[in-house]
Amino acid sequence: RRGVLIEEVERRPVQTVQAFRTAISKVASGKPILLLVRLGNANQFIVIRKP
């Protein structure tokens, strides 16, 4: 979603798009991925499943 900042992937900080891509590439297809995201002043953990 526009305006959402991804801060962590699997509890590891990511600061660039390349770091995000590298982190998710290490997760097997079909497995869940834990993300820490920020929207405005709120942080939230969400889980997505890698296709």
N, C-alpha and C. Protein backbone atom coordinates (compact mmCIF):
# COMPACT_ATOMS: atom_id res chain seq x y z
N ARG A 1 0.85 -1.17 0.00
CA ARG A 1 0.00 0.00 0.00
C ARG A 1 0.89 1.23 0.00
N ARG A 2 0.48 2.25 -0.69
CA ARG A 2 1.25 3.48 -0.76
C ARG A 2 1.36 4.11 0.63
N GLY A 3 2.55 4.57 0.97
CA GLY A 3 2.77 5.21 2.25
C GLY A 3 3.19 4.26 3.36
N VAL A 4 3.23 2.96 3.08
CA VAL A 4 3.65 1.97 4.07
C VAL A 4 5.16 1.75 3.90
N LEU A 5 5.89 1.86 5.00
CA LEU A 5 7.33 1.66 4.98
C LEU A 5 7.65 0.31 5.62
N ILE A 6 8.34 -0.53 4.89
CA ILE A 6 8.76 -1.83 5.42
C ILE A 6 10.08 -1.61 6.15
N GLU A 7 10.07 -1.89 7.46
CA GLU A 7 11.26 -1.65 8.28
C GLU A 7 12.06 -2.92 8.55
N GLU A 8 11.37 -4.07 8.65
CA GLU A 8 12.06 -5.33 8.93
C GLU A 8 11.43 -6.46 8.13
N VAL A 9 12.28 -7.41 7.77
CA VAL A 9 11.83 -8.67 7.16
C VAL A 9 12.41 -9.78 8.03
N GLU A 10 11.53 -10.62 8.57
CA GLU A 10 11.97 -11.70 9.46
C GLU A 10 12.84 -11.18 10.60
N ARG A 11 12.43 -10.05 11.18
CA ARG A 11 13.10 -9.42 12.33
C ARG A 11 14.49 -8.90 12.01
N ARG A 12 14.79 -8.69 10.73
CA ARG A 12 16.06 -8.10 10.33
C ARG A 12 15.77 -6.77 9.63
N PRO A 13 16.43 -5.69 10.06
CA PRO A 13 16.17 -4.38 9.45
C PRO A 13 16.51 -4.37 7.96
N VAL A 14 15.68 -3.68 7.20
CA VAL A 14 15.95 -3.43 5.78
C VAL A 14 15.82 -1.92 5.55
N GLN A 15 16.77 -1.37 4.82
CA GLN A 15 16.76 0.08 4.61
C GLN A 15 16.67 0.45 3.13
N THR A 16 16.78 -0.54 2.26
CA THR A 16 16.70 -0.27 0.83
C THR A 16 15.81 -1.30 0.16
N VAL A 17 15.37 -0.99 -1.04
CA VAL A 17 14.57 -1.94 -1.81
C VAL A 17 15.39 -3.19 -2.09
N GLN A 18 16.66 -3.01 -2.39
CA GLN A 18 17.53 -4.17 -2.67
C GLN A 18 17.65 -5.06 -1.45
N ALA A 19 17.79 -4.48 -0.26
CA ALA A 19 17.87 -5.28 0.97
C ALA A 19 16.57 -6.05 1.20
N PHE A 20 15.43 -5.43 0.90
CA PHE A 20 14.14 -6.11 1.01
C PHE A 20 14.07 -7.29 0.05
N ARG A 21 14.45 -7.06 -1.19
CA ARG A 21 14.41 -8.13 -2.20
C ARG A 21 15.33 -9.28 -1.82
N THR A 22 16.50 -8.96 -1.32
CA THR A 22 17.44 -10.00 -0.90
C THR A 22 16.85 -10.82 0.25
N ALA A 23 16.25 -10.14 1.22
CA ALA A 23 15.68 -10.83 2.38
C ALA A 23 14.55 -11.77 1.98
N ILE A 24 13.65 -11.32 1.11
CA ILE A 24 12.52 -12.19 0.74
C ILE A 24 12.96 -13.29 -0.21
N SER A 25 14.05 -13.08 -0.93
CA SER A 25 14.52 -14.13 -1.84
C SER A 25 15.03 -15.35 -1.07
N LYS A 26 15.37 -15.17 0.19
CA LYS A 26 15.88 -16.27 1.02
C LYS A 26 14.77 -17.13 1.61
N VAL A 27 13.52 -16.69 1.46
CA VAL A 27 12.37 -17.43 1.99
C VAL A 27 11.82 -18.33 0.89
N ALA A 28 11.57 -19.57 1.20
CA ALA A 28 11.04 -20.53 0.23
C ALA A 28 9.62 -20.17 -0.18
N SER A 29 9.27 -20.50 -1.41
CA SER A 29 7.91 -20.27 -1.91
C SER A 29 6.91 -21.00 -1.02
N GLY A 30 5.79 -20.34 -0.76
CA GLY A 30 4.73 -20.91 0.05
C GLY A 30 4.91 -20.70 1.55
N LYS A 31 6.05 -20.17 1.95
CA LYS A 31 6.32 -19.94 3.37
C LYS A 31 5.87 -18.54 3.78
N PRO A 32 5.50 -18.37 5.06
CA PRO A 32 5.12 -17.04 5.55
C PRO A 32 6.35 -16.16 5.76
N ILE A 33 6.15 -14.86 5.61
CA ILE A 33 7.21 -13.87 5.82
C ILE A 33 6.69 -12.85 6.82
N LEU A 34 7.42 -12.66 7.91
CA LEU A 34 7.06 -11.68 8.93
C LEU A 34 7.65 -10.33 8.55
N LEU A 35 6.80 -9.31 8.47
CA LEU A 35 7.23 -7.96 8.16
C LEU A 35 6.87 -7.02 9.29
N LEU A 36 7.74 -6.07 9.58
CA LEU A 36 7.41 -4.95 10.46
C LEU A 36 7.23 -3.75 9.55
N VAL A 37 6.04 -3.17 9.56
CA VAL A 37 5.74 -2.05 8.67
C VAL A 37 5.36 -0.82 9.50
N ARG A 38 5.56 0.34 8.91
CA ARG A 38 5.17 1.59 9.55
C ARG A 38 4.21 2.33 8.61
N LEU A 39 3.11 2.77 9.19
CA LEU A 39 2.15 3.61 8.48
C LEU A 39 1.88 4.80 9.37
N GLY A 40 2.40 5.95 8.97
CA GLY A 40 2.29 7.12 9.83
C GLY A 40 3.13 6.93 11.07
N ASN A 41 2.51 7.07 12.24
CA ASN A 41 3.23 6.92 13.51
C ASN A 41 3.09 5.53 14.11
N ALA A 42 2.42 4.63 13.42
CA ALA A 42 2.14 3.30 13.97
C ALA A 42 2.99 2.23 13.30
N ASN A 43 3.55 1.34 14.13
CA ASN A 43 4.25 0.15 13.63
C ASN A 43 3.35 -1.05 13.82
N GLN A 44 3.45 -1.99 12.89
CA GLN A 44 2.62 -3.19 12.98
C GLN A 44 3.35 -4.35 12.32
N PHE A 45 3.26 -5.53 12.96
CA PHE A 45 3.76 -6.74 12.33
C PHE A 45 2.65 -7.32 11.46
N ILE A 46 3.01 -7.75 10.27
CA ILE A 46 2.08 -8.45 9.39
C ILE A 46 2.78 -9.67 8.83
N VAL A 47 2.01 -10.64 8.43
CA VAL A 47 2.55 -11.85 7.82
C VAL A 47 1.96 -11.98 6.42
N ILE A 48 2.85 -12.20 5.46
CA ILE A 48 2.42 -12.47 4.09
C ILE A 48 2.97 -13.83 3.70
N ARG A 49 2.39 -14.43 2.70
CA ARG A 49 2.88 -15.73 2.22
C ARG A 49 3.53 -15.50 0.86
N LYS A 50 4.74 -16.03 0.71
CA LYS A 50 5.46 -15.89 -0.55
C LYS A 50 4.82 -16.83 -1.57
N PRO A 51 4.46 -16.31 -2.73
CA PRO A 51 3.84 -17.17 -3.75
C PRO A 51 4.79 -18.23 -4.29
